[in-house]
Amino acid sequence: MNIFIWVLQGVLAGMFLMAAIGKLTGSSLHRGVFDHLRLPQWFRVVTGLVELSGAVLLVLGYWNETYIGPGSLILGVTAFGGMLAHIRVKDGFKDTFMIVLLGILSFILLYLVR
């Protein structure tokens, strides 16, 4: 089970780290997504910081397991918020699938390390 937790931890940390860097650097993709979601650009930066903090906590969890729970909770709640934002603008399943999957994986990780 430990190997599964480590892999899940790494996948989530990597995915959210890449998303956070894109949001924080202001990539045109993320600017367009936040415009489409009708959210202000400052919220993109805040979301990037939250995702970065959750990903860093998951990475720190490799050395101290107490960081895994808070990191996965932060990322799961952030993913839930992203899912609600996509639902609010009536995006289809194709556009919301990845954030739903990452949210589910975050909560699975939270359950496994409880």
PDB file of N, CA and C in Angstrom:
ATOM      1  N   MET A   1       0.825  -1.199   0.000  1.00  0.00           N
ATOM      2  CA  MET A   1       0.000   0.000   0.000  1.00  0.00           C
ATOM      3  C   MET A   1       0.868   1.262   0.000  1.00  0.00           C
ATOM      4  N   ASN A   2       2.029   1.205   0.645  1.00  0.00           N
ATOM      5  CA  ASN A   2       2.897   2.378   0.681  1.00  0.00           C
ATOM      6  C   ASN A   2       3.335   2.808  -0.710  1.00  0.00           C
ATOM      7  N   ILE A   3       3.629   1.846  -1.573  1.00  0.00           N
ATOM      8  CA  ILE A   3       4.060   2.188  -2.930  1.00  0.00           C
ATOM      9  C   ILE A   3       2.930   2.890  -3.679  1.00  0.00           C
ATOM     10  N   PHE A   4       1.699   2.415  -3.517  1.00  0.00           N
ATOM     11  CA  PHE A   4       0.550   3.056  -4.155  1.00  0.00           C
ATOM     12  C   PHE A   4       0.399   4.489  -3.656  1.00  0.00           C
ATOM     13  N   ILE A   5       0.549   4.701  -2.365  1.00  0.00           N
ATOM     14  CA  ILE A   5       0.449   6.048  -1.791  1.00  0.00           C
ATOM     15  C   ILE A   5       1.548   6.941  -2.354  1.00  0.00           C
ATOM     16  N   TRP A   6       2.780   6.424  -2.443  1.00  0.00           N
ATOM     17  CA  TRP A   6       3.887   7.224  -2.969  1.00  0.00           C
ATOM     18  C   TRP A   6       3.645   7.613  -4.423  1.00  0.00           C
ATOM     19  N   VAL A   7       3.151   6.665  -5.220  1.00  0.00           N
ATOM     20  CA  VAL A   7       2.889   6.956  -6.636  1.00  0.00           C
ATOM     21  C   VAL A   7       1.769   7.988  -6.763  1.00  0.00           C
ATOM     22  N   LEU A   8       0.696   7.788  -6.021  1.00  0.00           N
ATOM     23  CA  LEU A   8      -0.428   8.717  -6.058  1.00  0.00           C
ATOM     24  C   LEU A   8       0.005  10.110  -5.602  1.00  0.00           C
ATOM     25  N   GLN A   9       0.794  10.145  -4.576  1.00  0.00           N
ATOM     26  CA  GLN A   9       1.341  11.395  -4.059  1.00  0.00           C
ATOM     27  C   GLN A   9       2.173  12.107  -5.136  1.00  0.00           C
ATOM     28  N   GLY A  10       3.016  11.365  -5.818  1.00  0.00           N
ATOM     29  CA  GLY A  10       3.857  11.944  -6.866  1.00  0.00           C
ATOM     30  C   GLY A  10       3.065  12.432  -8.061  1.00  0.00           C
ATOM     31  N   VAL A  11       2.067  11.652  -8.474  1.00  0.00           N
ATOM     32  CA  VAL A  11       1.235  12.046  -9.616  1.00  0.00           C
ATOM     33  C   VAL A  11       0.488  13.339  -9.298  1.00  0.00           C
ATOM     34  N   LEU A  12      -0.132  13.388  -8.118  1.00  0.00           N
ATOM     35  CA  LEU A  12      -0.882  14.587  -7.738  1.00  0.00           C
ATOM     36  C   LEU A  12       0.036  15.793  -7.589  1.00  0.00           C
ATOM     37  N   ALA A  13       1.179  15.599  -6.941  1.00  0.00           N
ATOM     38  CA  ALA A  13       2.114  16.713  -6.770  1.00  0.00           C
ATOM     39  C   ALA A  13       2.583  17.224  -8.125  1.00  0.00           C
ATOM     40  N   GLY A  14       2.909  16.330  -9.037  1.00  0.00           N
ATOM     41  CA  GLY A  14       3.369  16.735 -10.361  1.00  0.00           C
ATOM     42  C   GLY A  14       2.307  17.472 -11.158  1.00  0.00           C
ATOM     43  N   MET A  15       1.100  16.942 -11.168  1.00  0.00           N
ATOM     44  CA  MET A  15       0.021  17.564 -11.938  1.00  0.00           C
ATOM     45  C   MET A  15      -0.314  18.954 -11.402  1.00  0.00           C
ATOM     46  N   PHE A  16      -0.462  19.056 -10.078  1.00  0.00           N
ATOM     47  CA  PHE A  16      -0.820  20.348  -9.504  1.00  0.00           C
ATOM     48  C   PHE A  16       0.348  21.327  -9.555  1.00  0.00           C
ATOM     49  N   LEU A  17       1.578  20.833  -9.493  1.00  0.00           N
ATOM     50  CA  LEU A  17       2.738  21.713  -9.620  1.00  0.00           C
ATOM     51  C   LEU A  17       2.793  22.318 -11.024  1.00  0.00           C
ATOM     52  N   MET A  18       2.551  21.498 -12.036  1.00  0.00           N
ATOM     53  CA  MET A  18       2.532  22.015 -13.410  1.00  0.00           C
ATOM     54  C   MET A  18       1.404  23.030 -13.601  1.00  0.00           C
ATOM     55  N   ALA A  19       0.231  22.730 -13.044  1.00  0.00           N
ATOM     56  CA  ALA A  19      -0.890  23.661 -13.164  1.00  0.00           C
ATOM     57  C   ALA A  19      -0.597  24.964 -12.428  1.00  0.00           C
ATOM     58  N   ALA A  20       0.009  24.860 -11.252  1.00  0.00           N
ATOM     59  CA  ALA A  20       0.316  26.057 -10.465  1.00  0.00           C
ATOM     60  C   ALA A  20       1.324  26.945 -11.180  1.00  0.00           C
ATOM     61  N   ILE A  21       2.347  26.342 -11.763  1.00  0.00           N
ATOM     62  CA  ILE A  21       3.364  27.135 -12.467  1.00  0.00           C
ATOM     63  C   ILE A  21       2.739  27.865 -13.657  1.00  0.00           C
ATOM     64  N   GLY A  22       1.862  27.188 -14.379  1.00  0.00           N
ATOM     65  CA  GLY A  22       1.176  27.834 -15.499  1.00  0.00           C
ATOM     66  C   GLY A  22       0.318  29.000 -15.056  1.00  0.00           C
ATOM     67  N   LYS A  23      -0.376  28.833 -13.949  1.00  0.00           N
ATOM     68  CA  LYS A  23      -1.227  29.911 -13.442  1.00  0.00           C
ATOM     69  C   LYS A  23      -0.387  31.079 -12.932  1.00  0.00           C
ATOM     70  N   LEU A  24       0.681  30.779 -12.220  1.00  0.00           N
ATOM     71  CA  LEU A  24       1.504  31.838 -11.628  1.00  0.00           C
ATOM     72  C   LEU A  24       2.318  32.603 -12.670  1.00  0.00           C
ATOM     73  N   THR A  25       2.716  31.938 -13.737  1.00  0.00           N
ATOM     74  CA  THR A  25       3.476  32.629 -14.786  1.00  0.00           C
ATOM     75  C   THR A  25       2.569  33.344 -15.775  1.00  0.00           C
ATOM     76  N   GLY A  26       1.276  33.120 -15.677  1.00  0.00           N
ATOM     77  CA  GLY A  26       0.329  33.815 -16.545  1.00  0.00           C
ATOM     78  C   GLY A  26       0.311  33.305 -17.966  1.00  0.00           C
ATOM     79  N   SER A  27       0.409  31.993 -18.134  1.00  0.00           N
ATOM     80  CA  SER A  27       0.380  31.428 -19.488  1.00  0.00           C
ATOM     81  C   SER A  27      -0.948  31.777 -20.164  1.00  0.00           C
ATOM     82  N   SER A  28      -0.894  31.908 -21.472  1.00  0.00           N
ATOM     83  CA  SER A  28      -2.093  32.298 -22.214  1.00  0.00           C
ATOM     84  C   SER A  28      -3.210  31.270 -22.048  1.00  0.00           C
ATOM     85  N   LEU A  29      -2.850  30.002 -21.908  1.00  0.00           N
ATOM     86  CA  LEU A  29      -3.852  28.957 -21.697  1.00  0.00           C
ATOM     87  C   LEU A  29      -4.646  29.227 -20.424  1.00  0.00           C
ATOM     88  N   HIS A  30      -3.951  29.475 -19.330  1.00  0.00           N
ATOM     89  CA  HIS A  30      -4.636  29.679 -18.053  1.00  0.00           C
ATOM     90  C   HIS A  30      -5.371  31.018 -18.017  1.00  0.00           C
ATOM     91  N   ARG A  31      -4.824  32.034 -18.666  1.00  0.00           N
ATOM     92  CA  ARG A  31      -5.545  33.308 -18.750  1.00  0.00           C
ATOM     93  C   ARG A  31      -6.869  33.107 -19.484  1.00  0.00           C
ATOM     94  N   GLY A  32      -6.824  32.359 -20.573  1.00  0.00           N
ATOM     95  CA  GLY A  32      -8.034  32.090 -21.338  1.00  0.00           C
ATOM     96  C   GLY A  32      -9.051  31.272 -20.566  1.00  0.00           C
ATOM     97  N   VAL A  33      -8.567  30.288 -19.806  1.00  0.00           N
ATOM     98  CA  VAL A  33      -9.480  29.460 -19.009  1.00  0.00           C
ATOM     99  C   VAL A  33     -10.190  30.311 -17.968  1.00  0.00           C
ATOM    100  N   PHE A  34      -9.458  31.181 -17.282  1.00  0.00           N
ATOM    101  CA  PHE A  34     -10.092  32.002 -16.252  1.00  0.00           C
ATOM    102  C   PHE A  34     -11.025  33.042 -16.869  1.00  0.00           C
ATOM    103  N   ASP A  35     -10.718  33.535 -18.065  1.00  0.00           N
ATOM    104  CA  ASP A  35     -11.665  34.404 -18.772  1.00  0.00           C
ATOM    105  C   ASP A  35     -12.926  33.626 -19.123  1.00  0.00           C
ATOM    106  N   HIS A  36     -12.759  32.406 -19.621  1.00  0.00           N
ATOM    107  CA  HIS A  36     -13.904  31.556 -19.968  1.00  0.00           C
ATOM    108  C   HIS A  36     -14.764  31.260 -18.738  1.00  0.00           C
ATOM    109  N   LEU A  37     -14.118  31.037 -17.597  1.00  0.00           N
ATOM    110  CA  LEU A  37     -14.851  30.741 -16.364  1.00  0.00           C
ATOM    111  C   LEU A  37     -15.444  31.993 -15.725  1.00  0.00           C
ATOM    112  N   ARG A  38     -15.184  33.154 -16.341  1.00  0.00           N
ATOM    113  CA  ARG A  38     -15.658  34.447 -15.837  1.00  0.00           C
ATOM    114  C   ARG A  38     -15.140  34.707 -14.420  1.00  0.00           C
ATOM    115  N   LEU A  39     -13.862  34.416 -14.227  1.00  0.00           N
ATOM    116  CA  LEU A  39     -13.202  34.672 -12.950  1.00  0.00           C
ATOM    117  C   LEU A  39     -12.112  35.713 -13.174  1.00  0.00           C
ATOM    118  N   PRO A  40     -11.871  36.585 -12.185  1.00  0.00           N
ATOM    119  CA  PRO A  40     -10.834  37.609 -12.356  1.00  0.00           C
ATOM    120  C   PRO A  40      -9.434  36.997 -12.388  1.00  0.00           C
ATOM    121  N   GLN A  41      -8.518  37.705 -13.011  1.00  0.00           N
ATOM    122  CA  GLN A  41      -7.158  37.182 -13.157  1.00  0.00           C
ATOM    123  C   GLN A  41      -6.421  37.095 -11.822  1.00  0.00           C
ATOM    124  N   TRP A  42      -6.774  37.944 -10.849  1.00  0.00           N
ATOM    125  CA  TRP A  42      -6.126  37.821  -9.546  1.00  0.00           C
ATOM    126  C   TRP A  42      -6.484  36.479  -8.905  1.00  0.00           C
ATOM    127  N   PHE A  43      -7.656  35.946  -9.224  1.00  0.00           N
ATOM    128  CA  PHE A  43      -8.064  34.655  -8.671  1.00  0.00           C
ATOM    129  C   PHE A  43      -7.225  33.526  -9.263  1.00  0.00           C
ATOM    130  N   ARG A  44      -6.763  33.714 -10.493  1.00  0.00           N
ATOM    131  CA  ARG A  44      -5.844  32.751 -11.114  1.00  0.00           C
ATOM    132  C   ARG A  44      -4.556  32.658 -10.304  1.00  0.00           C
ATOM    133  N   VAL A  45      -4.042  33.797  -9.871  1.00  0.00           N
ATOM    134  CA  VAL A  45      -2.810  33.818  -9.080  1.00  0.00           C
ATOM    135  C   VAL A  45      -3.040  33.169  -7.718  1.00  0.00           C
ATOM    136  N   VAL A  46      -4.156  33.493  -7.076  1.00  0.00           N
ATOM    137  CA  VAL A  46      -4.473  32.889  -5.773  1.00  0.00           C
ATOM    138  C   VAL A  46      -4.617  31.379  -5.918  1.00  0.00           C
ATOM    139  N   THR A  47      -5.308  30.945  -6.953  1.00  0.00           N
ATOM    140  CA  THR A  47      -5.467  29.510  -7.193  1.00  0.00           C
ATOM    141  C   THR A  47      -4.119  28.845  -7.421  1.00  0.00           C
ATOM    142  N   GLY A  48      -3.247  29.493  -8.166  1.00  0.00           N
ATOM    143  CA  GLY A  48      -1.904  28.960  -8.389  1.00  0.00           C
ATOM    144  C   GLY A  48      -1.120  28.829  -7.096  1.00  0.00           C
ATOM    145  N   LEU A  49      -1.234  29.811  -6.212  1.00  0.00           N
ATOM    146  CA  LEU A  49      -0.537  29.742  -4.921  1.00  0.00           C
ATOM    147  C   LEU A  49      -1.076  28.613  -4.048  1.00  0.00           C
ATOM    148  N   VAL A  50      -2.390  28.436  -4.061  1.00  0.00           N
ATOM    149  CA  VAL A  50      -2.997  27.351  -3.279  1.00  0.00           C
ATOM    150  C   VAL A  50      -2.560  26.002  -3.836  1.00  0.00           C
ATOM    151  N   GLU A  51      -2.581  25.853  -5.158  1.00  0.00           N
ATOM    152  CA  GLU A  51      -2.139  24.597  -5.768  1.00  0.00           C
ATOM    153  C   GLU A  51      -0.662  24.336  -5.485  1.00  0.00           C
ATOM    154  N   LEU A  52       0.143  25.375  -5.536  1.00  0.00           N
ATOM    155  CA  LEU A  52       1.568  25.230  -5.244  1.00  0.00           C
ATOM    156  C   LEU A  52       1.787  24.793  -3.803  1.00  0.00           C
ATOM    157  N   SER A  53       1.042  25.376  -2.870  1.00  0.00           N
ATOM    158  CA  SER A  53       1.207  24.987  -1.460  1.00  0.00           C
ATOM    159  C   SER A  53       0.794  23.536  -1.238  1.00  0.00           C
ATOM    160  N   GLY A  54      -0.299  23.101  -1.863  1.00  0.00           N
ATOM    161  CA  GLY A  54      -0.715  21.708  -1.729  1.00  0.00           C
ATOM    162  C   GLY A  54       0.292  20.747  -2.322  1.00  0.00           C
ATOM    163  N   ALA A  55       0.838  21.092  -3.483  1.00  0.00           N
ATOM    164  CA  ALA A  55       1.841  20.232  -4.127  1.00  0.00           C
ATOM    165  C   ALA A  55       3.117  20.162  -3.298  1.00  0.00           C
ATOM    166  N   VAL A  56       3.535  21.289  -2.734  1.00  0.00           N
ATOM    167  CA  VAL A  56       4.736  21.299  -1.886  1.00  0.00           C
ATOM    168  C   VAL A  56       4.516  20.440  -0.648  1.00  0.00           C
ATOM    169  N   LEU A  57       3.329  20.514  -0.058  1.00  0.00           N
ATOM    170  CA  LEU A  57       3.042  19.671   1.107  1.00  0.00           C
ATOM    171  C   LEU A  57       3.109  18.190   0.745  1.00  0.00           C
ATOM    172  N   LEU A  58       2.622  17.831  -0.433  1.00  0.00           N
ATOM    173  CA  LEU A  58       2.706  16.427  -0.846  1.00  0.00           C
ATOM    174  C   LEU A  58       4.152  15.998  -1.047  1.00  0.00           C
ATOM    175  N   VAL A  59       4.971  16.862  -1.606  1.00  0.00           N
ATOM    176  CA  VAL A  59       6.388  16.528  -1.779  1.00  0.00           C
ATOM    177  C   VAL A  59       7.060  16.396  -0.413  1.00  0.00           C
ATOM    178  N   LEU A  60       6.769  17.308   0.503  1.00  0.00           N
ATOM    179  CA  LEU A  60       7.327  17.213   1.855  1.00  0.00           C
ATOM    180  C   LEU A  60       6.854  15.946   2.565  1.00  0.00           C
ATOM    181  N   GLY A  61       5.700  15.432   2.144  1.00  0.00           N
ATOM    182  CA  GLY A  61       5.162  14.214   2.731  1.00  0.00           C
ATOM    183  C   GLY A  61       6.017  12.987   2.504  1.00  0.00           C
ATOM    184  N   TYR A  62       6.933  13.043   1.540  1.00  0.00           N
ATOM    185  CA  TYR A  62       7.850  11.921   1.351  1.00  0.00           C
ATOM    186  C   TYR A  62       8.797  11.785   2.538  1.00  0.00           C
ATOM    187  N   TRP A  63       9.087  12.881   3.208  1.00  0.00           N
ATOM    188  CA  TRP A  63       9.991  12.844   4.358  1.00  0.00           C
ATOM    189  C   TRP A  63       9.251  12.854   5.688  1.00  0.00           C
ATOM    190  N   ASN A  64       8.070  13.485   5.708  1.00  0.00           N
ATOM    191  CA  ASN A  64       7.281  13.550   6.930  1.00  0.00           C
ATOM    192  C   ASN A  64       5.820  13.319   6.552  1.00  0.00           C
ATOM    193  N   GLU A  65       5.300  12.160   6.885  1.00  0.00           N
ATOM    194  CA  GLU A  65       3.965  11.748   6.428  1.00  0.00           C
ATOM    195  C   GLU A  65       2.840  12.645   6.926  1.00  0.00           C
ATOM    196  N   THR A  66       3.085  13.444   7.958  1.00  0.00           N
ATOM    197  CA  THR A  66       2.012  14.294   8.474  1.00  0.00           C
ATOM    198  C   THR A  66       1.620  15.400   7.493  1.00  0.00           C
ATOM    199  N   TYR A  67       2.448  15.670   6.496  1.00  0.00           N
ATOM    200  CA  TYR A  67       2.129  16.702   5.508  1.00  0.00           C
ATOM    201  C   TYR A  67       1.205  16.192   4.402  1.00  0.00           C
ATOM    202  N   ILE A  68       1.088  14.890   4.248  1.00  0.00           N
ATOM    203  CA  ILE A  68       0.293  14.338   3.143  1.00  0.00           C
ATOM    204  C   ILE A  68      -1.192  14.671   3.309  1.00  0.00           C
ATOM    205  N   GLY A  69      -1.719  14.507   4.505  1.00  0.00           N
ATOM    206  CA  GLY A  69      -3.137  14.775   4.749  1.00  0.00           C
ATOM    207  C   GLY A  69      -3.534  16.205   4.424  1.00  0.00           C
ATOM    208  N   PRO A  70      -2.857  17.202   5.020  1.00  0.00           N
ATOM    209  CA  PRO A  70      -3.217  18.587   4.686  1.00  0.00           C
ATOM    210  C   PRO A  70      -3.021  18.919   3.204  1.00  0.00           C
ATOM    211  N   GLY A  71      -1.964  18.391   2.600  1.00  0.00           N
ATOM    212  CA  GLY A  71      -1.723  18.656   1.181  1.00  0.00           C
ATOM    213  C   GLY A  71      -2.819  18.093   0.301  1.00  0.00           C
ATOM    214  N   SER A  72      -3.220  16.858   0.572  1.00  0.00           N
ATOM    215  CA  SER A  72      -4.272  16.250  -0.250  1.00  0.00           C
ATOM    216  C   SER A  72      -5.624  16.915   0.006  1.00  0.00           C
ATOM    217  N   LEU A  73      -5.864  17.373   1.229  1.00  0.00           N
ATOM    218  CA  LEU A  73      -7.112  18.083   1.523  1.00  0.00           C
ATOM    219  C   LEU A  73      -7.162  19.413   0.773  1.00  0.00           C
ATOM    220  N   ILE A  74      -6.070  20.159   0.803  1.00  0.00           N
ATOM    221  CA  ILE A  74      -6.008  21.433   0.075  1.00  0.00           C
ATOM    222  C   ILE A  74      -6.270  21.208  -1.412  1.00  0.00           C
ATOM    223  N   LEU A  75      -5.622  20.202  -1.988  1.00  0.00           N
ATOM    224  CA  LEU A  75      -5.785  19.953  -3.423  1.00  0.00           C
ATOM    225  C   LEU A  75      -7.177  19.426  -3.750  1.00  0.00           C
ATOM    226  N   GLY A  76      -7.746  18.597  -2.873  1.00  0.00           N
ATOM    227  CA  GLY A  76      -9.092  18.087  -3.102  1.00  0.00           C
ATOM    228  C   GLY A  76     -10.138  19.185  -3.070  1.00  0.00           C
ATOM    229  N   VAL A  77     -10.026  20.086  -2.100  1.00  0.00           N
ATOM    230  CA  VAL A  77     -10.977  21.197  -1.999  1.00  0.00           C
ATOM    231  C   VAL A  77     -10.795  22.156  -3.179  1.00  0.00           C
ATOM    232  N   THR A  78      -9.555  22.395  -3.571  1.00  0.00           N
ATOM    233  CA  THR A  78      -9.287  23.244  -4.735  1.00  0.00           C
ATOM    234  C   THR A  78      -9.891  22.629  -5.998  1.00  0.00           C
ATOM    235  N   ALA A  79      -9.742  21.322  -6.155  1.00  0.00           N
ATOM    236  CA  ALA A  79     -10.320  20.635  -7.311  1.00  0.00           C
ATOM    237  C   ALA A  79     -11.840  20.723  -7.288  1.00  0.00           C
ATOM    238  N   PHE A  80     -12.429  20.610  -6.106  1.00  0.00           N
ATOM    239  CA  PHE A  80     -13.884  20.725  -5.990  1.00  0.00           C
ATOM    240  C   PHE A  80     -14.333  22.124  -6.420  1.00  0.00           C
ATOM    241  N   GLY A  81     -13.589  23.138  -6.006  1.00  0.00           N
ATOM    242  CA  GLY A  81     -13.905  24.500  -6.433  1.00  0.00           C
ATOM    243  C   GLY A  81     -13.780  24.667  -7.938  1.00  0.00           C
ATOM    244  N   GLY A  82     -12.753  24.058  -8.521  1.00  0.00           N
ATOM    245  CA  GLY A  82     -12.592  24.113  -9.970  1.00  0.00           C
ATOM    246  C   GLY A  82     -13.733  23.426 -10.697  1.00  0.00           C
ATOM    247  N   MET A  83     -14.180  22.313 -10.132  1.00  0.00           N
ATOM    248  CA  MET A  83     -15.304  21.599 -10.726  1.00  0.00           C
ATOM    249  C   MET A  83     -16.560  22.479 -10.691  1.00  0.00           C
ATOM    250  N   LEU A  84     -16.795  23.143  -9.567  1.00  0.00           N
ATOM    251  CA  LEU A  84     -17.959  24.028  -9.467  1.00  0.00           C
ATOM    252  C   LEU A  84     -17.869  25.190 -10.456  1.00  0.00           C
ATOM    253  N   ALA A  85     -16.666  25.707 -10.659  1.00  0.00           N
ATOM    254  CA  ALA A  85     -16.488  26.801 -11.620  1.00  0.00           C
ATOM    255  C   ALA A  85     -16.836  26.338 -13.032  1.00  0.00           C
ATOM    256  N   HIS A  86     -16.442  25.123 -13.393  1.00  0.00           N
ATOM    257  CA  HIS A  86     -16.770  24.598 -14.720  1.00  0.00           C
ATOM    258  C   HIS A  86     -18.267  24.332 -14.851  1.00  0.00           C
ATOM    259  N   ILE A  87     -18.886  23.849 -13.796  1.00  0.00           N
ATOM    260  CA  ILE A  87     -20.332  23.602 -13.835  1.00  0.00           C
ATOM    261  C   ILE A  87     -21.089  24.923 -13.969  1.00  0.00           C
ATOM    262  N   ARG A  88     -20.595  25.964 -13.296  1.00  0.00           N
ATOM    263  CA  ARG A  88     -21.255  27.271 -13.312  1.00  0.00           C
ATOM    264  C   ARG A  88     -21.360  27.837 -14.726  1.00  0.00           C
ATOM    265  N   VAL A  89     -20.350  27.590 -15.549  1.00  0.00           N
ATOM    266  CA  VAL A  89     -20.390  28.096 -16.929  1.00  0.00           C
ATOM    267  C   VAL A  89     -20.895  27.036 -17.907  1.00  0.00           C
ATOM    268  N   LYS A  90     -21.414  25.947 -17.356  1.00  0.00           N
ATOM    269  CA  LYS A  90     -22.030  24.877 -18.148  1.00  0.00           C
ATOM    270  C   LYS A  90     -21.053  24.209 -19.114  1.00  0.00           C
ATOM    271  N   ASP A  91     -19.817  23.985 -18.648  1.00  0.00           N
ATOM    272  CA  ASP A  91     -18.850  23.230 -19.442  1.00  0.00           C
ATOM    273  C   ASP A  91     -19.258  21.767 -19.484  1.00  0.00           C
ATOM    274  N   GLY A  92     -18.891  21.089 -20.540  1.00  0.00           N
ATOM    275  CA  GLY A  92     -19.196  19.676 -20.685  1.00  0.00           C
ATOM    276  C   GLY A  92     -18.232  18.808 -19.899  1.00  0.00           C
ATOM    277  N   PHE A  93     -18.501  17.509 -19.922  1.00  0.00           N
ATOM    278  CA  PHE A  93     -17.679  16.561 -19.170  1.00  0.00           C
ATOM    279  C   PHE A  93     -16.244  16.546 -19.674  1.00  0.00           C
ATOM    280  N   LYS A  94     -16.069  16.766 -20.970  1.00  0.00           N
ATOM    281  CA  LYS A  94     -14.727  16.779 -21.562  1.00  0.00           C
ATOM    282  C   LYS A  94     -13.849  17.845 -20.904  1.00  0.00           C
ATOM    283  N   ASP A  95     -14.432  18.992 -20.596  1.00  0.00           N
ATOM    284  CA  ASP A  95     -13.675  20.089 -19.996  1.00  0.00           C
ATOM    285  C   ASP A  95     -13.485  19.924 -18.494  1.00  0.00           C
ATOM    286  N   THR A  96     -14.367  19.188 -17.844  1.00  0.00           N
ATOM    287  CA  THR A  96     -14.286  19.051 -16.385  1.00  0.00           C
ATOM    288  C   THR A  96     -13.672  17.731 -15.942  1.00  0.00           C
ATOM    289  N   PHE A  97     -13.441  16.817 -16.866  1.00  0.00           N
ATOM    290  CA  PHE A  97     -13.001  15.470 -16.487  1.00  0.00           C
ATOM    291  C   PHE A  97     -11.714  15.471 -15.671  1.00  0.00           C
ATOM    292  N   MET A  98     -10.700  16.189 -16.122  1.00  0.00           N
ATOM    293  CA  MET A  98      -9.396  16.126 -15.463  1.00  0.00           C
ATOM    294  C   MET A  98      -9.457  16.659 -14.034  1.00  0.00           C
ATOM    295  N   ILE A  99     -10.147  17.771 -13.819  1.00  0.00           N
ATOM    296  CA  ILE A  99     -10.206  18.321 -12.464  1.00  0.00           C
ATOM    297  C   ILE A  99     -11.035  17.419 -11.552  1.00  0.00           C
ATOM    298  N   VAL A 100     -12.064  16.782 -12.094  1.00  0.00           N
ATOM    299  CA  VAL A 100     -12.844  15.824 -11.301  1.00  0.00           C
ATOM    300  C   VAL A 100     -11.972  14.628 -10.924  1.00  0.00           C
ATOM    301  N   LEU A 101     -11.217  14.108 -11.885  1.00  0.00           N
ATOM    302  CA  LEU A 101     -10.328  12.976 -11.614  1.00  0.00           C
ATOM    303  C   LEU A 101      -9.283  13.330 -10.558  1.00  0.00           C
ATOM    304  N   LEU A 102      -8.653  14.490 -10.689  1.00  0.00           N
ATOM    305  CA  LEU A 102      -7.639  14.897  -9.713  1.00  0.00           C
ATOM    306  C   LEU A 102      -8.246  15.109  -8.329  1.00  0.00           C
ATOM    307  N   GLY A 103      -9.461  15.626  -8.280  1.00  0.00           N
ATOM    308  CA  GLY A 103     -10.137  15.788  -6.994  1.00  0.00           C
ATOM    309  C   GLY A 103     -10.432  14.451  -6.337  1.00  0.00           C
ATOM    310  N   ILE A 104     -10.915  13.507  -7.118  1.00  0.00           N
ATOM    311  CA  ILE A 104     -11.197  12.172  -6.581  1.00  0.00           C
ATOM    312  C   ILE A 104      -9.913  11.524  -6.080  1.00  0.00           C
ATOM    313  N   LEU A 105      -8.838  11.623  -6.863  1.00  0.00           N
ATOM    314  CA  LEU A 105      -7.559  11.046  -6.438  1.00  0.00           C
ATOM    315  C   LEU A 105      -7.034  11.721  -5.172  1.00  0.00           C
ATOM    316  N   SER A 106      -7.251  13.023  -5.047  1.00  0.00           N
ATOM    317  CA  SER A 106      -6.816  13.731  -3.839  1.00  0.00           C
ATOM    318  C   SER A 106      -7.557  13.223  -2.611  1.00  0.00           C
ATOM    319  N   PHE A 107      -8.860  13.028  -2.746  1.00  0.00           N
ATOM    320  CA  PHE A 107      -9.627  12.540  -1.600  1.00  0.00           C
ATOM    321  C   PHE A 107      -9.335  11.067  -1.305  1.00  0.00           C
ATOM    322  N   ILE A 108      -9.009  10.288  -2.334  1.00  0.00           N
ATOM    323  CA  ILE A 108      -8.577   8.902  -2.093  1.00  0.00           C
ATOM    324  C   ILE A 108      -7.282   8.900  -1.296  1.00  0.00           C
ATOM    325  N   LEU A 109      -6.341   9.750  -1.671  1.00  0.00           N
ATOM    326  CA  LEU A 109      -5.082   9.848  -0.927  1.00  0.00           C
ATOM    327  C   LEU A 109      -5.335  10.288   0.510  1.00  0.00           C
ATOM    328  N   LEU A 110      -6.217  11.247   0.697  1.00  0.00           N
ATOM    329  CA  LEU A 110      -6.560  11.695   2.050  1.00  0.00           C
ATOM    330  C   LEU A 110      -7.130  10.545   2.869  1.00  0.00           C
ATOM    331  N   TYR A 111      -7.986   9.745   2.263  1.00  0.00           N
ATOM    332  CA  TYR A 111      -8.570   8.594   2.960  1.00  0.00           C
ATOM    333  C   TYR A 111      -7.499   7.566   3.330  1.00  0.00           C
ATOM    334  N   LEU A 112      -6.560   7.338   2.427  1.00  0.00           N
ATOM    335  CA  LEU A 112      -5.541   6.314   2.667  1.00  0.00           C
ATOM    336  C   LEU A 112      -4.552   6.696   3.765  1.00  0.00           C
ATOM    337  N   VAL A 113      -4.320   7.978   3.960  1.00  0.00           N
ATOM    338  CA  VAL A 113      -3.336   8.394   4.967  1.00  0.00           C
ATOM    339  C   VAL A 113      -3.977   8.868   6.264  1.00  0.00           C
ATOM    340  N   ARG A 114      -5.260   8.789   6.369  1.00  0.00           N
ATOM    341  CA  ARG A 114      -5.956   9.271   7.579  1.00  0.00           C
ATOM    342  C   ARG A 114      -5.482   8.607   8.824  1.00  0.00           C
TER     343      ARG A 114
END
